[in-house]
Every structure is written in structure tokens, then in C-alpha cells.
Amino acid sequence: MIRRFALPTSFLAALATVALLAAPATGTAARSATKAERAAIAKASKVPASCIRVRVSTRNSRWAAWSLRFPVRKSCIRAADRQPTWEIAVYLKRTGKRWKRAGSASQCARPARLPRRIWSEMAPACRNFDDEGLPL
């Protein structure tokens, strides 16, 4: 006769909780912009707020990145035409109450004025690339 060993459900739940707490966090820390931040960034970028996707750094909230929403809406075609096709993300830095352009990125090349720590947060897919966009 074979004896089966059954673990209590509470033990399995505790084991799963410990495993989840021990696992490293894989998400990015950048957050969505508030309505006020989105409006200020859209104004500084001369693009309608409804046409862009804005992410703000949680490490330093003076840094933000925006990109055009895709698919591009009919009302946003003009704004899309004004942007160079190679710009995937545009980075801005807040100085006082104004947002100023700090650079733009194509693929995984880091803009020179953007700190590495902020770049790794805002562009998580590029973590395995160096500053010029070449694989590590």
C-alpha cells in the first residue's frame, strides 16, 4: 500500500507567499502622468495632450518621456507629421514650473543629457544595451 503525503493548504499558501516576496521585482518604476503634468508637457512639446503617452520617473519626478499614441487618431495626424520619424521617445526635464526638452531617442540610444539611472527606468527594454544602442 502506497501512502500519499498531503500538505495542508495553509502551508502551500505560505510557501507561495514567501516565493513571491523573494522574487526580484521586474516591473518598471515609471508612472503615468497626472492631468496637470500631461497638459504642461503637451504645451511644452506643442502636441495635443490627447495624442501623446506620457510617463514620469518615480526616481526623480523632474524627468518625463512622451511618445505618440498608436494607432494615430485622425485629430493627431498633424502632430505626428511634425515629429521626425526616427524619434521614438522625447525626454523632458522640469526646471521650476516649466518642462524643457532634454533629448530624444531612437531605438535604444540614450540621449546625452539623460542620466543613465532615469534612462534605464524610462526605457526598460533597453537595459541590455549600452549608451550608443549596441547590445552588451
Protein backbone atom coordinates (compact mmCIF):
# COMPACT_ATOMS: atom_id res chain seq x y z
CA MET A 1 0.00 0.00 0.00
CA ILE A 2 1.37 3.41 -1.02
CA ARG A 3 0.93 6.28 1.40
CA ARG A 4 0.36 9.70 -0.07
CA PHE A 5 1.68 12.71 1.76
CA ALA A 6 -0.63 15.72 1.57
CA LEU A 7 0.47 19.19 2.58
CA PRO A 8 -2.01 21.45 4.34
CA THR A 9 -3.44 24.22 2.17
CA SER A 10 -2.25 26.92 4.58
CA PHE A 11 1.35 25.67 4.25
CA LEU A 12 1.13 25.82 0.43
CA ALA A 13 -0.26 29.37 0.60
CA ALA A 14 2.55 30.45 2.95
CA LEU A 15 5.16 28.85 0.68
CA ALA A 16 3.75 30.65 -2.37
CA THR A 17 3.79 33.98 -0.49
CA VAL A 18 7.44 33.54 0.52
CA ALA A 19 8.38 32.67 -3.06
CA LEU A 20 6.67 35.80 -4.39
CA LEU A 21 8.32 38.04 -1.80
CA ALA A 22 11.75 36.58 -2.52
CA ALA A 23 11.44 37.08 -6.30
CA PRO A 24 13.00 40.28 -7.65
CA ALA A 25 10.70 42.98 -8.95
CA THR A 26 10.61 43.02 -12.74
CA GLY A 27 8.30 45.97 -13.39
CA THR A 28 9.36 49.50 -14.21
CA ALA A 29 9.00 52.30 -11.73
CA ALA A 30 7.84 54.96 -14.21
CA ARG A 31 4.27 56.11 -13.67
CA SER A 32 1.58 57.71 -15.80
CA ALA A 33 1.45 61.49 -15.73
CA THR A 34 -1.23 63.40 -13.86
CA LYS A 35 -3.61 65.59 -15.86
CA ALA A 36 -1.65 68.72 -14.89
CA GLU A 37 1.69 67.14 -15.84
CA ARG A 38 0.29 65.84 -19.14
CA ALA A 39 -1.10 69.29 -20.00
CA ALA A 40 2.18 71.04 -19.16
CA ILE A 41 4.24 68.53 -21.15
CA ALA A 42 1.88 68.76 -24.12
CA LYS A 43 2.13 72.55 -24.02
CA ALA A 44 5.95 72.45 -23.89
CA SER A 45 6.05 69.93 -26.75
CA LYS A 46 3.41 71.72 -28.86
CA VAL A 47 1.43 68.50 -29.25
CA PRO A 48 -2.21 67.93 -28.14
CA ALA A 49 -2.38 66.10 -24.82
CA SER A 50 -4.79 63.52 -26.25
CA CYS A 51 -2.17 62.48 -28.84
CA ILE A 52 0.67 61.52 -26.51
CA ARG A 53 1.51 58.86 -23.96
CA VAL A 54 3.43 60.37 -21.03
CA ARG A 55 5.50 58.53 -18.40
CA VAL A 56 7.05 60.29 -15.39
CA SER A 57 10.00 58.90 -13.47
CA THR A 58 9.36 57.86 -9.88
CA ARG A 59 13.07 58.05 -9.08
CA ASN A 60 13.12 61.75 -9.94
CA SER A 61 9.78 63.31 -10.91
CA ARG A 62 11.56 66.15 -12.73
CA TRP A 63 12.10 63.75 -15.66
CA ALA A 64 9.44 62.58 -18.10
CA ALA A 65 9.18 60.94 -21.52
CA TRP A 66 6.44 61.14 -24.10
CA SER A 67 5.70 59.33 -27.31
CA LEU A 68 2.88 59.49 -29.81
CA ARG A 69 -0.06 57.18 -29.22
CA PHE A 70 -0.52 54.48 -31.83
CA PRO A 71 -2.60 54.00 -33.84
CA VAL A 72 -2.55 57.72 -34.57
CA ARG A 73 -6.02 59.28 -34.41
CA LYS A 74 -7.29 61.50 -37.21
CA SER A 75 -7.11 64.51 -34.90
CA CYS A 76 -3.43 63.76 -34.19
CA ILE A 77 -2.14 63.34 -37.75
CA ARG A 78 -0.85 66.92 -37.87
CA ALA A 79 1.12 66.43 -34.65
CA ALA A 80 2.51 63.14 -35.96
CA ASP A 81 3.64 64.81 -39.19
CA ARG A 82 5.66 67.39 -37.25
CA GLN A 83 7.65 64.71 -35.41
CA PRO A 84 10.69 63.16 -37.08
CA THR A 85 10.00 59.52 -37.86
CA TRP A 86 13.11 58.34 -36.02
CA GLU A 87 12.02 59.80 -32.65
CA ILE A 88 10.56 57.03 -30.56
CA ALA A 89 10.57 58.92 -27.26
CA VAL A 90 11.14 62.54 -26.32
CA TYR A 91 12.62 63.22 -22.87
CA LEU A 92 11.89 66.34 -20.87
CA LYS A 93 13.18 67.81 -17.62
CA ARG A 94 11.17 70.11 -15.39
CA THR A 95 13.00 73.22 -14.25
CA GLY A 96 10.84 75.20 -11.88
CA LYS A 97 7.33 75.03 -13.34
CA ARG A 98 8.36 74.56 -16.98
CA TRP A 99 9.23 71.42 -18.90
CA LYS A 100 12.18 71.64 -21.29
CA ARG A 101 13.29 69.18 -23.92
CA ALA A 102 16.32 67.16 -22.82
CA GLY A 103 16.67 65.00 -25.91
CA SER A 104 15.03 62.30 -27.95
CA ALA A 105 15.81 58.67 -28.53
CA SER A 106 15.58 56.31 -31.42
CA GLN A 107 15.67 52.64 -30.62
CA CYS A 108 17.97 52.19 -27.60
CA ALA A 109 20.48 55.04 -27.90
CA ARG A 110 20.49 57.13 -24.70
CA PRO A 111 20.29 60.92 -25.10
CA ALA A 112 23.47 62.56 -23.76
CA ARG A 113 21.68 64.81 -21.24
CA LEU A 114 19.59 61.99 -19.79
CA PRO A 115 21.07 60.29 -16.68
CA ARG A 116 21.62 56.53 -17.05
CA ARG A 117 19.51 55.78 -13.99
CA ILE A 118 16.49 57.64 -15.39
CA TRP A 119 17.00 56.14 -18.86
CA SER A 120 17.02 52.59 -17.51
CA GLU A 121 13.72 53.29 -15.78
CA MET A 122 12.03 55.04 -18.70
CA ALA A 123 13.24 52.58 -21.37
CA PRO A 124 13.20 49.16 -19.65
CA ALA A 125 13.50 47.26 -22.94
CA CYS A 126 16.91 48.88 -23.46
CA ARG A 127 18.58 47.63 -20.28
CA ASN A 128 20.76 45.19 -22.22
CA PHE A 129 22.17 47.91 -24.48
CA ASP A 130 24.96 50.46 -23.98
CA ASP A 131 24.61 54.25 -24.41
CA GLU A 132 25.01 54.04 -28.20
CA GLY A 133 22.28 51.42 -28.55
CA LEU A 134 24.63 48.46 -29.08
CA PRO A 135 23.99 45.14 -27.29
CA LEU A 136 26.08 44.50 -24.16
